[in-house]
Amino acid sequence: MSIPINKRYEIVFLSIHELGPKMSNNSISKIIECSTKTVRYWLKRFKENKDLNELNRSGRNRCTSKSEDKK
């Protein structure tokens, strides 16, 4: 399960932002209420390319439309 974009930016702020408190990954995971692995993943992504948006995922196309699902 993915975390919202605002939580991702909060992770970066709490850890590596120059105005942030420079907290540890374990402390951040308790505040954000996610796993330490998730914190490490988003910090690594931010350090590599300064982007916190979700990547496009591969997979099978939908067989039904959203309106068909509602019916």
C-alpha atoms as a PDB file:
ATOM      1  CA  MET A   1       0.000   0.000   0.000  1.00  0.00           C
ATOM      2  CA  SER A   2       1.326   3.394  -0.949  1.00  0.00           C
ATOM      3  CA  ILE A   3       1.405   6.347   1.407  1.00  0.00           C
ATOM      4  CA  PRO A   4       0.004   9.769   0.411  1.00  0.00           C
ATOM      5  CA  ILE A   5       2.286  12.373  -1.146  1.00  0.00           C
ATOM      6  CA  ASN A   6       2.061  14.677   1.877  1.00  0.00           C
ATOM      7  CA  LYS A   7       3.406  11.901   4.127  1.00  0.00           C
ATOM      8  CA  ARG A   8       6.326  11.388   1.712  1.00  0.00           C
ATOM      9  CA  TYR A   9       7.283  15.046   1.910  1.00  0.00           C
ATOM     10  CA  GLU A  10       6.935  14.879   5.689  1.00  0.00           C
ATOM     11  CA  ILE A  11       9.431  11.981   5.738  1.00  0.00           C
ATOM     12  CA  VAL A  12      11.935  14.046   3.752  1.00  0.00           C
ATOM     13  CA  PHE A  13      11.412  17.103   5.947  1.00  0.00           C
ATOM     14  CA  LEU A  14      11.876  15.181   9.193  1.00  0.00           C
ATOM     15  CA  SER A  15      15.053  13.505   7.964  1.00  0.00           C
ATOM     16  CA  ILE A  16      17.137  15.491   5.496  1.00  0.00           C
ATOM     17  CA  HIS A  17      15.627  18.941   4.973  1.00  0.00           C
ATOM     18  CA  GLU A  18      17.896  21.762   6.154  1.00  0.00           C
ATOM     19  CA  LEU A  19      15.138  23.245   8.341  1.00  0.00           C
ATOM     20  CA  GLY A  20      13.947  19.880   9.660  1.00  0.00           C
ATOM     21  CA  PRO A  21      14.828  18.220  12.967  1.00  0.00           C
ATOM     22  CA  LYS A  22      17.084  15.512  11.373  1.00  0.00           C
ATOM     23  CA  MET A  23      15.294  12.557  12.969  1.00  0.00           C
ATOM     24  CA  SER A  24      16.212   8.877  12.623  1.00  0.00           C
ATOM     25  CA  ASN A  25      14.313   6.523  10.332  1.00  0.00           C
ATOM     26  CA  ASN A  26      12.873   4.644  13.295  1.00  0.00           C
ATOM     27  CA  SER A  27      11.528   7.846  14.880  1.00  0.00           C
ATOM     28  CA  ILE A  28      10.029   8.983  11.583  1.00  0.00           C
ATOM     29  CA  SER A  29       8.304   5.636  11.043  1.00  0.00           C
ATOM     30  CA  LYS A  30       6.605   5.967  14.447  1.00  0.00           C
ATOM     31  CA  ILE A  31       5.410   9.515  13.708  1.00  0.00           C
ATOM     32  CA  ILE A  32       4.216   8.769  10.161  1.00  0.00           C
ATOM     33  CA  GLU A  33       2.837   5.355  11.228  1.00  0.00           C
ATOM     34  CA  CYS A  34       4.517   3.340   8.502  1.00  0.00           C
ATOM     35  CA  SER A  35       7.364   0.840   8.365  1.00  0.00           C
ATOM     36  CA  THR A  36      11.029   1.772   8.602  1.00  0.00           C
ATOM     37  CA  LYS A  37      11.492   0.122   5.209  1.00  0.00           C
ATOM     38  CA  THR A  38       9.022   2.599   3.688  1.00  0.00           C
ATOM     39  CA  VAL A  39      10.920   5.532   5.202  1.00  0.00           C
ATOM     40  CA  ARG A  40      14.222   4.235   3.796  1.00  0.00           C
ATOM     41  CA  TYR A  41      12.640   3.685   0.360  1.00  0.00           C
ATOM     42  CA  TRP A  42      11.274   7.240   0.034  1.00  0.00           C
ATOM     43  CA  LEU A  43      14.458   8.848   1.373  1.00  0.00           C
ATOM     44  CA  LYS A  44      16.519   6.875  -1.144  1.00  0.00           C
ATOM     45  CA  ARG A  45      14.160   7.880  -3.978  1.00  0.00           C
ATOM     46  CA  PHE A  46      14.393  11.537  -2.970  1.00  0.00           C
ATOM     47  CA  LYS A  47      18.204  11.488  -2.761  1.00  0.00           C
ATOM     48  CA  GLU A  48      18.493   9.832  -6.190  1.00  0.00           C
ATOM     49  CA  ASN A  49      16.218  12.047  -8.271  1.00  0.00           C
ATOM     50  CA  LYS A  50      14.425  14.574  -6.006  1.00  0.00           C
ATOM     51  CA  ASP A  51      11.067  13.066  -6.996  1.00  0.00           C
ATOM     52  CA  LEU A  52       8.427  11.644  -4.663  1.00  0.00           C
ATOM     53  CA  ASN A  53       5.687  10.907  -7.198  1.00  0.00           C
ATOM     54  CA  GLU A  54       4.600   7.334  -7.821  1.00  0.00           C
ATOM     55  CA  LEU A  55       6.077   5.603 -10.830  1.00  0.00           C
ATOM     56  CA  ASN A  56       3.891   4.145 -13.555  1.00  0.00           C
ATOM     57  CA  ARG A  57       3.330   0.486 -12.905  1.00  0.00           C
ATOM     58  CA  SER A  58       3.208  -2.236 -15.461  1.00  0.00           C
ATOM     59  CA  GLY A  59       0.377  -4.673 -15.522  1.00  0.00           C
ATOM     60  CA  ARG A  60      -2.675  -5.842 -17.315  1.00  0.00           C
ATOM     61  CA  ASN A  61      -5.146  -3.247 -18.627  1.00  0.00           C
ATOM     62  CA  ARG A  62      -8.585  -3.030 -17.059  1.00  0.00           C
ATOM     63  CA  CYS A  63     -11.288  -5.250 -18.544  1.00  0.00           C
ATOM     64  CA  THR A  64     -14.131  -3.093 -17.234  1.00  0.00           C
ATOM     65  CA  SER A  65     -14.599   0.633 -16.989  1.00  0.00           C
ATOM     66  CA  LYS A  66     -15.209   2.465 -13.716  1.00  0.00           C
ATOM     67  CA  SER A  67     -18.885   2.968 -14.633  1.00  0.00           C
ATOM     68  CA  GLU A  68     -19.282  -0.765 -15.296  1.00  0.00           C
ATOM     69  CA  ASP A  69     -17.780  -1.483 -11.901  1.00  0.00           C
ATOM     70  CA  LYS A  70     -20.345   0.798 -10.223  1.00  0.00           C
ATOM     71  CA  LYS A  71     -23.208  -1.158 -11.830  1.00  0.00           C
END
